[in-house]
């Protein structure tokens, strides 16, 4: 019971004290804090012992396991949160991205100046990439294809352009058949007449 009374009294005194400090810009506590901070700033700049202690403390904190693991932990939490939000159709992130894309697409459709500017930028970027990196890109493609064996190259090309290749095969078959029929008909007519 006595402990509660003392605790209440201390709490009331602290509230009154902080109220007095807040209300009085010239309160002695404010001056004491300013003097302390000024002295601390001076010591941090000019007192070798204080500088060494602070640097050692900083090194200890930075070398601690929790601080060392903090960037990876923060990145993992951010990545997991963004992944969860991206998978949730009702998340704020997805709604904002959809709103932004819809608004941008509407502007592109309705504003000829924006379309022209966008086209100019895309052509400029493609030209820049082609002018400056064409050699590297073709080199990477060449090296990659050289590492493939014939079966692997055939399979990969088939996967990438399979529908187009099928179209070419059908067209080739049809055109070849028609050409063969035409040659056969002409040869029959020519031999039949002579």
C-alpha atoms as a PDB file:
ATOM      1  CA  UNK A   1       0.000   0.000   0.000  1.00  0.00           C
ATOM      2  CA  UNK A   2       2.781   2.396   0.957  1.00  0.00           C
ATOM      3  CA  UNK A   3       4.616   1.508  -2.227  1.00  0.00           C
ATOM      4  CA  UNK A   4       1.538   2.493  -4.273  1.00  0.00           C
ATOM      5  CA  UNK A   5       1.273   5.825  -2.457  1.00  0.00           C
ATOM      6  CA  UNK A   6       4.937   6.567  -3.058  1.00  0.00           C
ATOM      7  CA  UNK A   7       4.591   5.535  -6.712  1.00  0.00           C
ATOM      8  CA  UNK A   8       1.550   7.790  -7.186  1.00  0.00           C
ATOM      9  CA  UNK A   9       3.349  10.696  -5.492  1.00  0.00           C
ATOM     10  CA  UNK A  10       6.443  10.227  -7.702  1.00  0.00           C
ATOM     11  CA  UNK A  11       4.284  10.033 -10.821  1.00  0.00           C
ATOM     12  CA  UNK A  12       2.399  13.231  -9.902  1.00  0.00           C
ATOM     13  CA  UNK A  13       5.653  15.059  -9.169  1.00  0.00           C
ATOM     14  CA  UNK A  14       7.162  13.942 -12.489  1.00  0.00           C
ATOM     15  CA  UNK A  15       4.078  15.079 -14.402  1.00  0.00           C
ATOM     16  CA  UNK A  16       4.132  18.437 -12.610  1.00  0.00           C
ATOM     17  CA  UNK A  17       7.876  18.846 -13.231  1.00  0.00           C
ATOM     18  CA  UNK A  18       7.636  18.054 -16.949  1.00  0.00           C
ATOM     19  CA  UNK A  19       4.644  20.409 -17.205  1.00  0.00           C
ATOM     20  CA  UNK A  20       6.704  23.191 -15.608  1.00  0.00           C
ATOM     21  CA  UNK A  21       9.636  22.535 -17.991  1.00  0.00           C
ATOM     22  CA  UNK A  22       7.322  22.526 -21.011  1.00  0.00           C
ATOM     23  CA  UNK A  23       5.612  25.777 -19.931  1.00  0.00           C
ATOM     24  CA  UNK A  24       8.788  27.719 -19.027  1.00  0.00           C
ATOM     25  CA  UNK A  25      11.302  28.250 -21.875  1.00  0.00           C
ATOM     26  CA  UNK A  26      13.757  29.625 -19.311  1.00  0.00           C
ATOM     27  CA  UNK A  27      13.463  26.690 -16.868  1.00  0.00           C
ATOM     28  CA  UNK A  28      16.700  25.616 -15.188  1.00  0.00           C
ATOM     29  CA  UNK A  29      16.237  22.015 -16.404  1.00  0.00           C
ATOM     30  CA  UNK A  30      16.314  23.263 -20.014  1.00  0.00           C
ATOM     31  CA  UNK A  31      19.546  25.149 -19.305  1.00  0.00           C
ATOM     32  CA  UNK A  32      21.069  22.072 -17.642  1.00  0.00           C
ATOM     33  CA  UNK A  33      20.195  19.897 -20.657  1.00  0.00           C
ATOM     34  CA  UNK A  34      21.671  22.493 -23.034  1.00  0.00           C
ATOM     35  CA  UNK A  35      24.880  22.690 -20.974  1.00  0.00           C
ATOM     36  CA  UNK A  36      25.124  18.885 -20.923  1.00  0.00           C
ATOM     37  CA  UNK A  37      24.611  18.593 -24.700  1.00  0.00           C
ATOM     38  CA  UNK A  38      27.111  21.391 -25.378  1.00  0.00           C
ATOM     39  CA  UNK A  39      29.705  19.722 -23.149  1.00  0.00           C
ATOM     40  CA  UNK A  40      29.022  16.332 -24.764  1.00  0.00           C
ATOM     41  CA  UNK A  41      29.483  17.831 -28.235  1.00  0.00           C
ATOM     42  CA  UNK A  42      32.767  19.417 -27.143  1.00  0.00           C
ATOM     43  CA  UNK A  43      33.980  16.145 -25.620  1.00  0.00           C
ATOM     44  CA  UNK A  44      33.016  14.151 -28.723  1.00  0.00           C
ATOM     45  CA  UNK A  45      35.070  16.531 -30.869  1.00  0.00           C
ATOM     46  CA  UNK A  46      38.089  17.227 -28.658  1.00  0.00           C
ATOM     47  CA  UNK A  47      38.403  14.768 -25.732  1.00  0.00           C
ATOM     48  CA  UNK A  48      40.553  11.829 -26.888  1.00  0.00           C
ATOM     49  CA  UNK A  49      39.344   9.511 -24.124  1.00  0.00           C
ATOM     50  CA  UNK A  50      35.676  10.237 -24.924  1.00  0.00           C
ATOM     51  CA  UNK A  51      36.291   9.796 -28.657  1.00  0.00           C
ATOM     52  CA  UNK A  52      37.978   6.438 -28.023  1.00  0.00           C
ATOM     53  CA  UNK A  53      35.158   5.252 -25.740  1.00  0.00           C
ATOM     54  CA  UNK A  54      32.498   6.222 -28.278  1.00  0.00           C
ATOM     55  CA  UNK A  55      34.412   4.623 -31.162  1.00  0.00           C
ATOM     56  CA  UNK A  56      34.872   1.417 -29.142  1.00  0.00           C
ATOM     57  CA  UNK A  57      31.175   1.391 -28.253  1.00  0.00           C
ATOM     58  CA  UNK A  58      30.274   1.969 -31.901  1.00  0.00           C
ATOM     59  CA  UNK A  59      32.587  -0.871 -33.011  1.00  0.00           C
ATOM     60  CA  UNK A  60      31.086  -3.215 -30.387  1.00  0.00           C
ATOM     61  CA  UNK A  61      27.554  -2.386 -31.504  1.00  0.00           C
ATOM     62  CA  UNK A  62      28.350  -2.784 -35.202  1.00  0.00           C
ATOM     63  CA  UNK A  63      30.149  -6.098 -34.576  1.00  0.00           C
ATOM     64  CA  UNK A  64      27.303  -7.562 -32.525  1.00  0.00           C
ATOM     65  CA  UNK A  65      25.381 -10.467 -34.049  1.00  0.00           C
ATOM     66  CA  UNK A  66      21.976  -8.740 -33.949  1.00  0.00           C
ATOM     67  CA  UNK A  67      23.297  -5.687 -35.795  1.00  0.00           C
ATOM     68  CA  UNK A  68      25.209  -7.851 -38.287  1.00  0.00           C
ATOM     69  CA  UNK A  69      22.056  -9.817 -39.034  1.00  0.00           C
ATOM     70  CA  UNK A  70      19.817  -6.745 -39.196  1.00  0.00           C
ATOM     71  CA  UNK A  71      20.160  -5.927 -42.934  1.00  0.00           C
ATOM     72  CA  UNK A  72      19.407  -9.507 -43.967  1.00  0.00           C
ATOM     73  CA  UNK A  73      16.516  -9.688 -41.507  1.00  0.00           C
ATOM     74  CA  UNK A  74      15.060  -6.370 -42.684  1.00  0.00           C
ATOM     75  CA  UNK A  75      15.442  -7.381 -46.336  1.00  0.00           C
ATOM     76  CA  UNK A  76      13.805 -10.763 -45.694  1.00  0.00           C
ATOM     77  CA  UNK A  77      10.882  -9.131 -43.884  1.00  0.00           C
ATOM     78  CA  UNK A  78      10.425  -6.536 -46.638  1.00  0.00           C
ATOM     79  CA  UNK A  79      10.678  -9.211 -49.344  1.00  0.00           C
ATOM     80  CA  UNK A  80       8.188 -11.485 -47.572  1.00  0.00           C
ATOM     81  CA  UNK A  81       5.755  -8.619 -47.020  1.00  0.00           C
ATOM     82  CA  UNK A  82       5.972  -7.465 -50.637  1.00  0.00           C
ATOM     83  CA  UNK A  83       5.564 -11.041 -51.884  1.00  0.00           C
ATOM     84  CA  UNK A  84       2.496 -11.559 -49.702  1.00  0.00           C
ATOM     85  CA  UNK A  85       1.025  -8.257 -50.833  1.00  0.00           C
ATOM     86  CA  UNK A  86       1.723  -9.047 -54.488  1.00  0.00           C
ATOM     87  CA  UNK A  87      -0.073 -12.404 -54.160  1.00  0.00           C
ATOM     88  CA  UNK A  88      -3.109 -10.936 -52.391  1.00  0.00           C
ATOM     89  CA  UNK A  89      -5.541  -9.512 -54.989  1.00  0.00           C
ATOM     90  CA  UNK A  90      -7.071  -7.235 -52.342  1.00  0.00           C
ATOM     91  CA  UNK A  91      -3.797  -5.818 -50.986  1.00  0.00           C
ATOM     92  CA  UNK A  92      -3.148  -2.094 -51.026  1.00  0.00           C
ATOM     93  CA  UNK A  93       0.021  -2.649 -53.075  1.00  0.00           C
ATOM     94  CA  UNK A  94      -1.809  -4.474 -55.890  1.00  0.00           C
ATOM     95  CA  UNK A  95      -4.674  -1.998 -55.898  1.00  0.00           C
ATOM     96  CA  UNK A  96      -2.244   0.944 -56.112  1.00  0.00           C
ATOM     97  CA  UNK A  97      -0.246  -0.706 -58.912  1.00  0.00           C
ATOM     98  CA  UNK A  98      -3.438  -1.503 -60.854  1.00  0.00           C
ATOM     99  CA  UNK A  99      -4.709   2.066 -60.335  1.00  0.00           C
ATOM    100  CA  UNK A 100      -1.390   3.523 -61.490  1.00  0.00           C
ATOM    101  CA  UNK A 101      -1.194   1.288 -64.580  1.00  0.00           C
ATOM    102  CA  UNK A 102      -4.831   1.979 -65.469  1.00  0.00           C
ATOM    103  CA  UNK A 103      -4.360   5.714 -65.073  1.00  0.00           C
ATOM    104  CA  UNK A 104      -1.146   5.664 -67.112  1.00  0.00           C
ATOM    105  CA  UNK A 105      -2.723   3.538 -69.864  1.00  0.00           C
ATOM    106  CA  UNK A 106      -5.685   5.919 -70.040  1.00  0.00           C
ATOM    107  CA  UNK A 107      -3.340   8.880 -70.335  1.00  0.00           C
ATOM    108  CA  UNK A 108      -1.332   7.138 -73.086  1.00  0.00           C
ATOM    109  CA  UNK A 109      -4.535   6.383 -74.979  1.00  0.00           C
ATOM    110  CA  UNK A 110      -5.980   9.896 -74.613  1.00  0.00           C
ATOM    111  CA  UNK A 111      -2.889  12.150 -74.807  1.00  0.00           C
ATOM    112  CA  UNK A 112      -1.101  12.181 -78.175  1.00  0.00           C
ATOM    113  CA  UNK A 113       1.778  14.245 -76.741  1.00  0.00           C
ATOM    114  CA  UNK A 114       2.409  11.613 -74.075  1.00  0.00           C
ATOM    115  CA  UNK A 115       2.299   8.817 -76.698  1.00  0.00           C
ATOM    116  CA  UNK A 116       4.778  10.700 -78.886  1.00  0.00           C
ATOM    117  CA  UNK A 117       7.068  11.389 -75.919  1.00  0.00           C
ATOM    118  CA  UNK A 118       6.878   7.769 -74.799  1.00  0.00           C
ATOM    119  CA  UNK A 119       7.634   6.498 -78.293  1.00  0.00           C
ATOM    120  CA  UNK A 120      10.566   8.908 -78.599  1.00  0.00           C
ATOM    121  CA  UNK A 121      11.983   7.716 -75.276  1.00  0.00           C
ATOM    122  CA  UNK A 122      11.558   4.013 -76.121  1.00  0.00           C
ATOM    123  CA  UNK A 123      13.167   4.454 -79.531  1.00  0.00           C
ATOM    124  CA  UNK A 124      15.964   6.480 -77.941  1.00  0.00           C
ATOM    125  CA  UNK A 125      16.604   3.840 -75.275  1.00  0.00           C
ATOM    126  CA  UNK A 126      16.529   1.012 -77.838  1.00  0.00           C
ATOM    127  CA  UNK A 127      18.893   2.930 -80.120  1.00  0.00           C
ATOM    128  CA  UNK A 128      21.244   3.662 -77.238  1.00  0.00           C
ATOM    129  CA  UNK A 129      21.273   0.013 -76.169  1.00  0.00           C
ATOM    130  CA  UNK A 130      21.775  -1.162 -79.750  1.00  0.00           C
ATOM    131  CA  UNK A 131      24.575   1.350 -80.396  1.00  0.00           C
ATOM    132  CA  UNK A 132      26.415   0.758 -77.141  1.00  0.00           C
ATOM    133  CA  UNK A 133      25.723  -2.852 -76.198  1.00  0.00           C
ATOM    134  CA  UNK A 134      25.000  -4.746 -79.419  1.00  0.00           C
ATOM    135  CA  UNK A 135      28.434  -6.396 -79.352  1.00  0.00           C
ATOM    136  CA  UNK A 136      28.051  -7.572 -75.755  1.00  0.00           C
ATOM    137  CA  UNK A 137      24.525  -8.897 -76.351  1.00  0.00           C
ATOM    138  CA  UNK A 138      25.460 -10.786 -79.505  1.00  0.00           C
ATOM    139  CA  UNK A 139      28.573 -12.081 -77.745  1.00  0.00           C
ATOM    140  CA  UNK A 140      26.505 -13.399 -74.833  1.00  0.00           C
ATOM    141  CA  UNK A 141      24.006 -15.000 -77.211  1.00  0.00           C
ATOM    142  CA  UNK A 142      26.805 -16.515 -79.305  1.00  0.00           C
ATOM    143  CA  UNK A 143      28.606 -17.921 -76.259  1.00  0.00           C
ATOM    144  CA  UNK A 144      25.387 -19.351 -74.871  1.00  0.00           C
ATOM    145  CA  UNK A 145      24.407 -21.025 -78.137  1.00  0.00           C
ATOM    146  CA  UNK A 146      27.952 -22.385 -78.614  1.00  0.00           C
ATOM    147  CA  UNK A 147      27.663 -24.200 -75.260  1.00  0.00           C
ATOM    148  CA  UNK A 148      24.470 -25.980 -76.348  1.00  0.00           C
ATOM    149  CA  UNK A 149      24.715 -29.286 -78.130  1.00  0.00           C
ATOM    150  CA  UNK A 150      22.642 -29.761 -81.304  1.00  0.00           C
ATOM    151  CA  UNK A 151      19.722 -31.497 -79.582  1.00  0.00           C
ATOM    152  CA  UNK A 152      19.564 -28.900 -76.813  1.00  0.00           C
ATOM    153  CA  UNK A 153      19.704 -26.035 -79.340  1.00  0.00           C
ATOM    154  CA  UNK A 154      16.951 -27.651 -81.387  1.00  0.00           C
ATOM    155  CA  UNK A 155      14.767 -28.153 -78.301  1.00  0.00           C
ATOM    156  CA  UNK A 156      15.256 -24.593 -77.061  1.00  0.00           C
ATOM    157  CA  UNK A 157      14.593 -23.057 -80.456  1.00  0.00           C
ATOM    158  CA  UNK A 158      11.504 -25.247 -80.797  1.00  0.00           C
ATOM    159  CA  UNK A 159      10.244 -24.036 -77.402  1.00  0.00           C
ATOM    160  CA  UNK A 160      10.858 -20.383 -78.191  1.00  0.00           C
ATOM    161  CA  UNK A 161       9.517 -20.275 -81.746  1.00  0.00           C
ATOM    162  CA  UNK A 162       7.572 -23.523 -81.967  1.00  0.00           C
ATOM    163  CA  UNK A 163       4.313 -22.018 -83.266  1.00  0.00           C
ATOM    164  CA  UNK A 164       6.154 -19.997 -85.901  1.00  0.00           C
ATOM    165  CA  UNK A 165       8.156 -23.045 -86.974  1.00  0.00           C
ATOM    166  CA  UNK A 166       4.967 -25.101 -87.221  1.00  0.00           C
ATOM    167  CA  UNK A 167       3.426 -22.394 -89.415  1.00  0.00           C
ATOM    168  CA  UNK A 168       6.533 -22.400 -91.632  1.00  0.00           C
ATOM    169  CA  UNK A 169       6.430 -26.200 -91.882  1.00  0.00           C
ATOM    170  CA  UNK A 170       2.759 -26.224 -92.912  1.00  0.00           C
ATOM    171  CA  UNK A 171       3.332 -23.418 -95.429  1.00  0.00           C
ATOM    172  CA  UNK A 172       6.355 -25.224 -96.804  1.00  0.00           C
ATOM    173  CA  UNK A 173       4.376 -28.430 -97.184  1.00  0.00           C
ATOM    174  CA  UNK A 174       1.483 -26.674 -98.923  1.00  0.00           C
ATOM    175  CA  UNK A 175       3.708 -24.607-101.219  1.00  0.00           C
ATOM    176  CA  UNK A 176       5.899 -27.635-101.983  1.00  0.00           C
ATOM    177  CA  UNK A 177       2.851 -29.751-102.785  1.00  0.00           C
ATOM    178  CA  UNK A 178       1.394 -27.075-105.058  1.00  0.00           C
ATOM    179  CA  UNK A 179       4.724 -26.592-106.801  1.00  0.00           C
ATOM    180  CA  UNK A 180       5.083 -30.358-107.287  1.00  0.00           C
ATOM    181  CA  UNK A 181       1.525 -30.575-108.647  1.00  0.00           C
ATOM    182  CA  UNK A 182       2.181 -27.683-111.025  1.00  0.00           C
ATOM    183  CA  UNK A 183       5.430 -29.277-112.280  1.00  0.00           C
ATOM    184  CA  UNK A 184       3.751 -32.643-112.700  1.00  0.00           C
ATOM    185  CA  UNK A 185       0.820 -31.105-114.575  1.00  0.00           C
ATOM    186  CA  UNK A 186       3.103 -29.097-116.854  1.00  0.00           C
ATOM    187  CA  UNK A 187       5.284 -32.140-117.558  1.00  0.00           C
ATOM    188  CA  UNK A 188       2.223 -34.269-118.370  1.00  0.00           C
ATOM    189  CA  UNK A 189       0.899 -31.586-120.671  1.00  0.00           C
ATOM    190  CA  UNK A 190       4.286 -31.103-122.328  1.00  0.00           C
ATOM    191  CA  UNK A 191       4.855 -34.845-122.888  1.00  0.00           C
ATOM    192  CA  UNK A 192       1.255 -35.357-123.901  1.00  0.00           C
ATOM    193  CA  UNK A 193       1.437 -32.717-126.603  1.00  0.00           C
ATOM    194  CA  UNK A 194       4.695 -33.890-128.086  1.00  0.00           C
END
